[in-house]
């Protein structure tokens, strides 16, 4: 079975904006963490991630943050079930 790889561009999350402001701007707050690294707070395009996650939830996400690239899987996606929107995502490096 072939593993699906999805490439997503991200930016470092600004500390002065809260998650509600990010979601209103079409961005999704997220965190990247893994063994031997410090966790990074990032923001990704909400529509881009939703489409990729809906089509391949078990995919390997290749996240580019500036000059760094992380191969990750979705550890947890916090979903608001009343309107079926993703509020926050945790990516774990592989």
PDB file of N, CA and C in Angstrom:
ATOM      1  N   UNK A   1       0.837  -1.179   0.000  1.00  0.00           N
ATOM      2  CA  UNK A   1       0.000   0.000   0.000  1.00  0.00           C
ATOM      3  C   UNK A   1       0.885   1.247   0.000  1.00  0.00           C
ATOM      4  N   UNK A   2       0.579   2.148  -0.890  1.00  0.00           N
ATOM      5  CA  UNK A   2       1.379   3.355  -1.042  1.00  0.00           C
ATOM      6  C   UNK A   2       0.902   4.431  -0.070  1.00  0.00           C
ATOM      7  N   UNK A   3       1.851   5.113   0.566  1.00  0.00           N
ATOM      8  CA  UNK A   3       1.534   6.164   1.534  1.00  0.00           C
ATOM      9  C   UNK A   3       1.331   7.484   0.797  1.00  0.00           C
ATOM     10  N   UNK A   4       0.261   8.189   1.092  1.00  0.00           N
ATOM     11  CA  UNK A   4      -0.018   9.482   0.492  1.00  0.00           C
ATOM     12  C   UNK A   4       0.777  10.560   1.215  1.00  0.00           C
ATOM     13  N   UNK A   5       1.427  11.446   0.443  1.00  0.00           N
ATOM     14  CA  UNK A   5       2.165  12.571   1.017  1.00  0.00           C
ATOM     15  C   UNK A   5       1.489  13.854   0.556  1.00  0.00           C
ATOM     16  N   UNK A   6       1.129  14.693   1.509  1.00  0.00           N
ATOM     17  CA  UNK A   6       0.471  15.966   1.229  1.00  0.00           C
ATOM     18  C   UNK A   6       1.413  17.084   1.661  1.00  0.00           C
ATOM     19  N   UNK A   7       1.681  18.035   0.758  1.00  0.00           N
ATOM     20  CA  UNK A   7       2.566  19.158   1.076  1.00  0.00           C
ATOM     21  C   UNK A   7       1.730  20.369   1.450  1.00  0.00           C
ATOM     22  N   UNK A   8       2.083  20.967   2.585  1.00  0.00           N
ATOM     23  CA  UNK A   8       1.369  22.149   3.087  1.00  0.00           C
ATOM     24  C   UNK A   8       2.399  23.193   3.509  1.00  0.00           C
ATOM     25  N   UNK A   9       2.142  24.442   3.121  1.00  0.00           N
ATOM     26  CA  UNK A   9       2.972  25.561   3.564  1.00  0.00           C
ATOM     27  C   UNK A   9       2.368  26.142   4.833  1.00  0.00           C
ATOM     28  N   UNK A  10       3.224  26.548   5.749  1.00  0.00           N
ATOM     29  CA  UNK A  10       2.769  27.104   7.024  1.00  0.00           C
ATOM     30  C   UNK A  10       3.657  28.278   7.402  1.00  0.00           C
ATOM     31  N   UNK A  11       3.179  29.066   8.328  1.00  0.00           N
ATOM     32  CA  UNK A  11       3.933  30.186   8.883  1.00  0.00           C
ATOM     33  C   UNK A  11       3.986  30.031  10.389  1.00  0.00           C
ATOM     34  N   UNK A  12       4.987  30.629  10.997  1.00  0.00           N
ATOM     35  CA  UNK A  12       5.072  30.640  12.456  1.00  0.00           C
ATOM     36  C   UNK A  12       3.916  31.487  12.968  1.00  0.00           C
ATOM     37  N   UNK A  13       3.236  30.977  13.976  1.00  0.00           N
ATOM     38  CA  UNK A  13       2.069  31.685  14.517  1.00  0.00           C
ATOM     39  C   UNK A  13       2.513  32.897  15.317  1.00  0.00           C
ATOM     40  N   UNK A  14       1.850  34.009  15.074  1.00  0.00           N
ATOM     41  CA  UNK A  14       2.137  35.242  15.795  1.00  0.00           C
ATOM     42  C   UNK A  14       1.522  35.165  17.189  1.00  0.00           C
ATOM     43  N   UNK A  15       2.277  35.564  18.184  1.00  0.00           N
ATOM     44  CA  UNK A  15       1.823  35.450  19.570  1.00  0.00           C
ATOM     45  C   UNK A  15       0.725  36.455  19.904  1.00  0.00           C
ATOM     46  N   UNK A  16       0.626  37.556  19.142  1.00  0.00           N
ATOM     47  CA  UNK A  16      -0.357  38.571  19.480  1.00  0.00           C
ATOM     48  C   UNK A  16      -1.757  38.274  18.944  1.00  0.00           C
ATOM     49  N   UNK A  17      -1.926  37.243  18.113  1.00  0.00           N
ATOM     50  CA  UNK A  17      -3.246  36.883  17.594  1.00  0.00           C
ATOM     51  C   UNK A  17      -3.735  35.615  18.285  1.00  0.00           C
ATOM     52  N   UNK A  18      -4.975  35.669  18.760  1.00  0.00           N
ATOM     53  CA  UNK A  18      -5.521  34.477  19.390  1.00  0.00           C
ATOM     54  C   UNK A  18      -6.138  33.571  18.318  1.00  0.00           C
ATOM     55  N   UNK A  19      -6.387  32.320  18.632  1.00  0.00           N
ATOM     56  CA  UNK A  19      -6.897  31.371  17.641  1.00  0.00           C
ATOM     57  C   UNK A  19      -8.206  31.799  16.972  1.00  0.00           C
ATOM     58  N   UNK A  20      -9.061  32.479  17.679  1.00  0.00           N
ATOM     59  CA  UNK A  20     -10.326  32.934  17.098  1.00  0.00           C
ATOM     60  C   UNK A  20     -10.071  33.930  15.966  1.00  0.00           C
ATOM     61  N   UNK A  21      -9.092  34.832  16.160  1.00  0.00           N
ATOM     62  CA  UNK A  21      -8.742  35.788  15.113  1.00  0.00           C
ATOM     63  C   UNK A  21      -8.144  35.078  13.901  1.00  0.00           C
ATOM     64  N   UNK A  22      -7.334  34.055  14.141  1.00  0.00           N
ATOM     65  CA  UNK A  22      -6.740  33.300  13.032  1.00  0.00           C
ATOM     66  C   UNK A  22      -7.820  32.612  12.209  1.00  0.00           C
ATOM     67  N   UNK A  23      -8.762  31.952  12.882  1.00  0.00           N
ATOM     68  CA  UNK A  23      -9.833  31.256  12.161  1.00  0.00           C
ATOM     69  C   UNK A  23     -10.694  32.229  11.371  1.00  0.00           C
ATOM     70  N   UNK A  24     -10.923  33.429  11.905  1.00  0.00           N
ATOM     71  CA  UNK A  24     -11.698  34.442  11.185  1.00  0.00           C
ATOM     72  C   UNK A  24     -10.967  34.902   9.925  1.00  0.00           C
ATOM     73  N   UNK A  25      -9.642  34.825   9.933  1.00  0.00           N
ATOM     74  CA  UNK A  25      -8.835  35.220   8.777  1.00  0.00           C
ATOM     75  C   UNK A  25      -8.607  34.058   7.808  1.00  0.00           C
ATOM     76  N   UNK A  26      -9.227  32.899   8.055  1.00  0.00           N
ATOM     77  CA  UNK A  26      -9.078  31.756   7.157  1.00  0.00           C
ATOM     78  C   UNK A  26      -7.851  30.907   7.442  1.00  0.00           C
ATOM     79  N   UNK A  27      -7.281  31.069   8.630  1.00  0.00           N
ATOM     80  CA  UNK A  27      -6.109  30.300   9.030  1.00  0.00           C
ATOM     81  C   UNK A  27      -6.485  29.323  10.133  1.00  0.00           C
ATOM     82  N   UNK A  28      -5.693  28.289  10.258  1.00  0.00           N
ATOM     83  CA  UNK A  28      -5.951  27.254  11.260  1.00  0.00           C
ATOM     84  C   UNK A  28      -4.747  27.169  12.191  1.00  0.00           C
ATOM     85  N   UNK A  29      -4.939  27.376  13.502  1.00  0.00           N
ATOM     86  CA  UNK A  29      -3.820  27.238  14.432  1.00  0.00           C
ATOM     87  C   UNK A  29      -3.419  25.772  14.554  1.00  0.00           C
ATOM     88  N   UNK A  30      -2.110  25.546  14.616  1.00  0.00           N
ATOM     89  CA  UNK A  30      -1.608  24.180  14.685  1.00  0.00           C
ATOM     90  C   UNK A  30      -0.303  24.159  15.474  1.00  0.00           C
ATOM     91  N   UNK A  31       0.099  22.949  15.853  1.00  0.00           N
ATOM     92  CA  UNK A  31       1.347  22.741  16.579  1.00  0.00           C
ATOM     93  C   UNK A  31       2.082  21.573  15.952  1.00  0.00           C
ATOM     94  N   UNK A  32       3.409  21.712  15.809  1.00  0.00           N
ATOM     95  CA  UNK A  32       4.256  20.623  15.337  1.00  0.00           C
ATOM     96  C   UNK A  32       5.177  20.246  16.482  1.00  0.00           C
ATOM     97  N   UNK A  33       5.226  18.951  16.796  1.00  0.00           N
ATOM     98  CA  UNK A  33       6.123  18.498  17.851  1.00  0.00           C
ATOM     99  C   UNK A  33       6.616  17.098  17.525  1.00  0.00           C
ATOM    100  N   UNK A  34       7.657  16.699  18.226  1.00  0.00           N
ATOM    101  CA  UNK A  34       8.202  15.368  18.026  1.00  0.00           C
ATOM    102  C   UNK A  34       9.414  15.144  18.894  1.00  0.00           C
ATOM    103  N   UNK A  35       9.959  13.963  18.779  1.00  0.00           N
ATOM    104  CA  UNK A  35      11.102  13.581  19.601  1.00  0.00           C
ATOM    105  C   UNK A  35      12.325  14.401  19.200  1.00  0.00           C
ATOM    106  N   UNK A  36      12.986  14.958  20.204  1.00  0.00           N
ATOM    107  CA  UNK A  36      14.219  15.687  19.978  1.00  0.00           C
ATOM    108  C   UNK A  36      14.043  17.078  19.417  1.00  0.00           C
ATOM    109  N   UNK A  37      12.841  17.611  19.458  1.00  0.00           N
ATOM    110  CA  UNK A  37      12.627  18.974  18.971  1.00  0.00           C
ATOM    111  C   UNK A  37      11.678  19.717  19.903  1.00  0.00           C
ATOM    112  N   UNK A  38      11.804  21.019  19.885  1.00  0.00           N
ATOM    113  CA  UNK A  38      10.904  21.860  20.655  1.00  0.00           C
ATOM    114  C   UNK A  38       9.641  22.085  19.822  1.00  0.00           C
ATOM    115  N   UNK A  39       8.491  22.093  20.467  1.00  0.00           N
ATOM    116  CA  UNK A  39       7.245  22.272  19.715  1.00  0.00           C
ATOM    117  C   UNK A  39       7.192  23.665  19.098  1.00  0.00           C
ATOM    118  N   UNK A  40       6.554  23.733  17.918  1.00  0.00           N
ATOM    119  CA  UNK A  40       6.416  24.993  17.194  1.00  0.00           C
ATOM    120  C   UNK A  40       4.941  25.287  16.995  1.00  0.00           C
ATOM    121  N   UNK A  41       4.545  26.504  17.292  1.00  0.00           N
ATOM    122  CA  UNK A  41       3.191  26.953  17.022  1.00  0.00           C
ATOM    123  C   UNK A  41       3.167  27.529  15.618  1.00  0.00           C
ATOM    124  N   UNK A  42       2.286  26.985  14.781  1.00  0.00           N
ATOM    125  CA  UNK A  42       2.225  27.410  13.386  1.00  0.00           C
ATOM    126  C   UNK A  42       0.788  27.729  13.012  1.00  0.00           C
ATOM    127  N   UNK A  43       0.633  28.262  11.811  1.00  0.00           N
ATOM    128  CA  UNK A  43      -0.696  28.509  11.253  1.00  0.00           C
ATOM    129  C   UNK A  43      -0.681  28.054   9.806  1.00  0.00           C
ATOM    130  N   UNK A  44      -1.744  27.361   9.400  1.00  0.00           N
ATOM    131  CA  UNK A  44      -1.858  26.854   8.036  1.00  0.00           C
ATOM    132  C   UNK A  44      -3.155  27.378   7.423  1.00  0.00           C
ATOM    133  N   UNK A  45      -3.236  27.356   6.109  1.00  0.00           N
ATOM    134  CA  UNK A  45      -4.449  27.753   5.412  1.00  0.00           C
ATOM    135  C   UNK A  45      -5.537  26.739   5.752  1.00  0.00           C
ATOM    136  N   UNK A  46      -6.642  27.208   6.311  1.00  0.00           N
ATOM    137  CA  UNK A  46      -7.700  26.311   6.790  1.00  0.00           C
ATOM    138  C   UNK A  46      -8.339  25.523   5.653  1.00  0.00           C
ATOM    139  N   UNK A  47      -8.633  26.171   4.539  1.00  0.00           N
ATOM    140  CA  UNK A  47      -9.278  25.484   3.420  1.00  0.00           C
ATOM    141  C   UNK A  47      -8.361  24.426   2.819  1.00  0.00           C
ATOM    142  N   UNK A  48      -7.098  24.774   2.650  1.00  0.00           N
ATOM    143  CA  UNK A  48      -6.119  23.832   2.098  1.00  0.00           C
ATOM    144  C   UNK A  48      -5.999  22.585   2.976  1.00  0.00           C
ATOM    145  N   UNK A  49      -5.906  22.787   4.291  1.00  0.00           N
ATOM    146  CA  UNK A  49      -5.793  21.645   5.188  1.00  0.00           C
ATOM    147  C   UNK A  49      -7.077  20.822   5.221  1.00  0.00           C
ATOM    148  N   UNK A  50      -8.232  21.485   5.290  1.00  0.00           N
ATOM    149  CA  UNK A  50      -9.514  20.764   5.352  1.00  0.00           C
ATOM    150  C   UNK A  50      -9.700  19.856   4.149  1.00  0.00           C
ATOM    151  N   UNK A  51      -9.385  20.336   2.956  1.00  0.00           N
ATOM    152  CA  UNK A  51      -9.540  19.530   1.751  1.00  0.00           C
ATOM    153  C   UNK A  51      -8.587  18.330   1.775  1.00  0.00           C
ATOM    154  N   UNK A  52      -7.353  18.551   2.178  1.00  0.00           N
ATOM    155  CA  UNK A  52      -6.377  17.463   2.230  1.00  0.00           C
ATOM    156  C   UNK A  52      -6.746  16.443   3.303  1.00  0.00           C
ATOM    157  N   UNK A  53      -7.165  16.914   4.465  1.00  0.00           N
ATOM    158  CA  UNK A  53      -7.501  16.024   5.576  1.00  0.00           C
ATOM    159  C   UNK A  53      -8.766  15.224   5.283  1.00  0.00           C
ATOM    160  N   UNK A  54      -9.725  15.836   4.602  1.00  0.00           N
ATOM    161  CA  UNK A  54     -10.965  15.142   4.254  1.00  0.00           C
ATOM    162  C   UNK A  54     -10.677  13.995   3.272  1.00  0.00           C
ATOM    163  N   UNK A  55      -9.773  14.224   2.324  1.00  0.00           N
ATOM    164  CA  UNK A  55      -9.471  13.210   1.316  1.00  0.00           C
ATOM    165  C   UNK A  55      -8.506  12.136   1.806  1.00  0.00           C
ATOM    166  N   UNK A  56      -7.604  12.491   2.726  1.00  0.00           N
ATOM    167  CA  UNK A  56      -6.606  11.519   3.192  1.00  0.00           C
ATOM    168  C   UNK A  56      -6.232  11.807   4.645  1.00  0.00           C
ATOM    169  N   UNK A  57      -7.072  11.402   5.605  1.00  0.00           N
ATOM    170  CA  UNK A  57      -6.790  11.719   7.010  1.00  0.00           C
ATOM    171  C   UNK A  57      -5.564  11.002   7.574  1.00  0.00           C
ATOM    172  N   UNK A  58      -5.165   9.885   6.983  1.00  0.00           N
ATOM    173  CA  UNK A  58      -4.004   9.132   7.477  1.00  0.00           C
ATOM    174  C   UNK A  58      -2.740   9.423   6.667  1.00  0.00           C
ATOM    175  N   UNK A  59      -2.752  10.481   5.883  1.00  0.00           N
ATOM    176  CA  UNK A  59      -1.617  10.818   5.025  1.00  0.00           C
ATOM    177  C   UNK A  59      -0.443  11.345   5.846  1.00  0.00           C
ATOM    178  N   UNK A  60       0.726  11.348   5.228  1.00  0.00           N
ATOM    179  CA  UNK A  60       1.897  12.002   5.797  1.00  0.00           C
ATOM    180  C   UNK A  60       1.876  13.434   5.267  1.00  0.00           C
ATOM    181  N   UNK A  61       1.859  14.395   6.185  1.00  0.00           N
ATOM    182  CA  UNK A  61       1.836  15.806   5.805  1.00  0.00           C
ATOM    183  C   UNK A  61       3.260  16.343   5.858  1.00  0.00           C
ATOM    184  N   UNK A  62       3.724  16.863   4.735  1.00  0.00           N
ATOM    185  CA  UNK A  62       5.049  17.477   4.652  1.00  0.00           C
ATOM    186  C   UNK A  62       4.830  18.978   4.819  1.00  0.00           C
ATOM    187  N   UNK A  63       5.175  19.499   5.993  1.00  0.00           N
ATOM    188  CA  UNK A  63       4.895  20.893   6.337  1.00  0.00           C
ATOM    189  C   UNK A  63       6.163  21.718   6.190  1.00  0.00           C
ATOM    190  N   UNK A  64       6.074  22.781   5.390  1.00  0.00           N
ATOM    191  CA  UNK A  64       7.191  23.702   5.193  1.00  0.00           C
ATOM    192  C   UNK A  64       6.943  24.971   5.985  1.00  0.00           C
ATOM    193  N   UNK A  65       7.855  25.239   6.921  1.00  0.00           N
ATOM    194  CA  UNK A  65       7.788  26.460   7.739  1.00  0.00           C
ATOM    195  C   UNK A  65       9.085  27.209   7.498  1.00  0.00           C
ATOM    196  N   UNK A  66       9.035  28.234   6.666  1.00  0.00           N
ATOM    197  CA  UNK A  66      10.256  28.954   6.313  1.00  0.00           C
ATOM    198  C   UNK A  66      11.194  28.023   5.558  1.00  0.00           C
ATOM    199  N   UNK A  67      12.396  27.833   6.080  1.00  0.00           N
ATOM    200  CA  UNK A  67      13.379  26.943   5.453  1.00  0.00           C
ATOM    201  C   UNK A  67      13.336  25.533   6.013  1.00  0.00           C
ATOM    202  N   UNK A  68      12.519  25.311   7.050  1.00  0.00           N
ATOM    203  CA  UNK A  68      12.411  23.992   7.670  1.00  0.00           C
ATOM    204  C   UNK A  68      11.267  23.202   7.043  1.00  0.00           C
ATOM    205  N   UNK A  69      11.462  21.888   6.968  1.00  0.00           N
ATOM    206  CA  UNK A  69      10.416  20.994   6.484  1.00  0.00           C
ATOM    207  C   UNK A  69      10.277  19.843   7.465  1.00  0.00           C
ATOM    208  N   UNK A  70       9.041  19.518   7.807  1.00  0.00           N
ATOM    209  CA  UNK A  70       8.752  18.443   8.750  1.00  0.00           C
ATOM    210  C   UNK A  70       7.838  17.423   8.084  1.00  0.00           C
ATOM    211  N   UNK A  71       8.176  16.138   8.203  1.00  0.00           N
ATOM    212  CA  UNK A  71       7.265  15.073   7.786  1.00  0.00           C
ATOM    213  C   UNK A  71       6.487  14.668   9.022  1.00  0.00           C
ATOM    214  N   UNK A  72       5.167  14.798   8.938  1.00  0.00           N
ATOM    215  CA  UNK A  72       4.323  14.613  10.111  1.00  0.00           C
ATOM    216  C   UNK A  72       3.083  13.797   9.785  1.00  0.00           C
ATOM    217  N   UNK A  73       2.411  13.382  10.846  1.00  0.00           N
ATOM    218  CA  UNK A  73       1.064  12.833  10.745  1.00  0.00           C
ATOM    219  C   UNK A  73       0.178  13.650  11.674  1.00  0.00           C
ATOM    220  N   UNK A  74      -1.111  13.592  11.462  1.00  0.00           N
ATOM    221  CA  UNK A  74      -2.037  14.308  12.335  1.00  0.00           C
ATOM    222  C   UNK A  74      -2.219  13.474  13.597  1.00  0.00           C
ATOM    223  N   UNK A  75      -1.752  13.998  14.711  1.00  0.00           N
ATOM    224  CA  UNK A  75      -1.906  13.317  15.996  1.00  0.00           C
ATOM    225  C   UNK A  75      -3.317  13.525  16.528  1.00  0.00           C
ATOM    226  N   UNK A  76      -3.807  14.770  16.411  1.00  0.00           N
ATOM    227  CA  UNK A  76      -5.152  15.077  16.883  1.00  0.00           C
ATOM    228  C   UNK A  76      -5.686  16.284  16.125  1.00  0.00           C
ATOM    229  N   UNK A  77      -6.937  16.209  15.739  1.00  0.00           N
ATOM    230  CA  UNK A  77      -7.636  17.336  15.125  1.00  0.00           C
ATOM    231  C   UNK A  77      -8.834  17.643  16.005  1.00  0.00           C
ATOM    232  N   UNK A  78      -8.852  18.821  16.582  1.00  0.00           N
ATOM    233  CA  UNK A  78      -9.955  19.223  17.445  1.00  0.00           C
ATOM    234  C   UNK A  78     -11.077  19.740  16.556  1.00  0.00           C
ATOM    235  N   UNK A  79     -12.232  19.078  16.605  1.00  0.00           N
ATOM    236  CA  UNK A  79     -13.342  19.393  15.713  1.00  0.00           C
ATOM    237  C   UNK A  79     -14.542  19.876  16.516  1.00  0.00           C
ATOM    238  N   UNK A  80     -15.159  20.946  16.034  1.00  0.00           N
ATOM    239  CA  UNK A  80     -16.410  21.419  16.626  1.00  0.00           C
ATOM    240  C   UNK A  80     -17.531  20.746  15.841  1.00  0.00           C
ATOM    241  N   UNK A  81     -18.168  19.783  16.463  1.00  0.00           N
ATOM    242  CA  UNK A  81     -19.115  18.942  15.753  1.00  0.00           C
ATOM    243  C   UNK A  81     -20.430  19.634  15.410  1.00  0.00           C
ATOM    244  N   UNK A  82     -20.768  20.715  16.080  1.00  0.00           N
ATOM    245  CA  UNK A  82     -22.024  21.389  15.777  1.00  0.00           C
ATOM    246  C   UNK A  82     -22.052  21.961  14.365  1.00  0.00           C
ATOM    247  N   UNK A  83     -20.896  22.433  13.876  1.00  0.00           N
ATOM    248  CA  UNK A  83     -20.833  22.934  12.503  1.00  0.00           C
ATOM    249  C   UNK A  83     -19.720  22.266  11.687  1.00  0.00           C
ATOM    250  N   UNK A  84     -19.148  21.195  12.225  1.00  0.00           N
ATOM    251  CA  UNK A  84     -18.162  20.359  11.537  1.00  0.00           C
ATOM    252  C   UNK A  84     -16.948  21.141  11.037  1.00  0.00           C
ATOM    253  N   UNK A  85     -16.399  22.001  11.883  1.00  0.00           N
ATOM    254  CA  UNK A  85     -15.194  22.733  11.516  1.00  0.00           C
ATOM    255  C   UNK A  85     -14.034  22.287  12.408  1.00  0.00           C
ATOM    256  N   UNK A  86     -12.852  22.321  11.840  1.00  0.00           N
ATOM    257  CA  UNK A  86     -11.641  21.970  12.587  1.00  0.00           C
ATOM    258  C   UNK A  86     -11.151  23.226  13.295  1.00  0.00           C
ATOM    259  N   UNK A  87     -10.912  23.128  14.590  1.00  0.00           N
ATOM    260  CA  UNK A  87     -10.498  24.276  15.400  1.00  0.00           C
ATOM    261  C   UNK A  87      -8.990  24.344  15.597  1.00  0.00           C
ATOM    262  N   UNK A  88      -8.348  23.184  15.696  1.00  0.00           N
ATOM    263  CA  UNK A  88      -6.925  23.137  16.014  1.00  0.00           C
ATOM    264  C   UNK A  88      -6.376  21.783  15.573  1.00  0.00           C
ATOM    265  N   UNK A  89      -5.102  21.758  15.171  1.00  0.00           N
ATOM    266  CA  UNK A  89      -4.483  20.517  14.728  1.00  0.00           C
ATOM    267  C   UNK A  89      -3.132  20.344  15.415  1.00  0.00           C
ATOM    268  N   UNK A  90      -2.841  19.109  15.806  1.00  0.00           N
ATOM    269  CA  UNK A  90      -1.531  18.763  16.347  1.00  0.00           C
ATOM    270  C   UNK A  90      -0.865  17.800  15.389  1.00  0.00           C
ATOM    271  N   UNK A  91       0.307  18.191  14.889  1.00  0.00           N
ATOM    272  CA  UNK A  91       1.090  17.351  13.991  1.00  0.00           C
ATOM    273  C   UNK A  91       2.249  16.754  14.767  1.00  0.00           C
ATOM    274  N   UNK A  92       2.502  15.471  14.586  1.00  0.00           N
ATOM    275  CA  UNK A  92       3.634  14.797  15.224  1.00  0.00           C
ATOM    276  C   UNK A  92       4.588  14.336  14.137  1.00  0.00           C
ATOM    277  N   UNK A  93       5.871  14.632  14.317  1.00  0.00           N
ATOM    278  CA  UNK A  93       6.862  14.257  13.324  1.00  0.00           C
ATOM    279  C   UNK A  93       7.046  12.745  13.296  1.00  0.00           C
ATOM    280  N   UNK A  94       7.400  12.246  12.110  1.00  0.00           N
ATOM    281  CA  UNK A  94       7.645  10.804  11.949  1.00  0.00           C
ATOM    282  C   UNK A  94       9.105  10.569  11.639  1.00  0.00           C
TER     283      UNK A  94
END
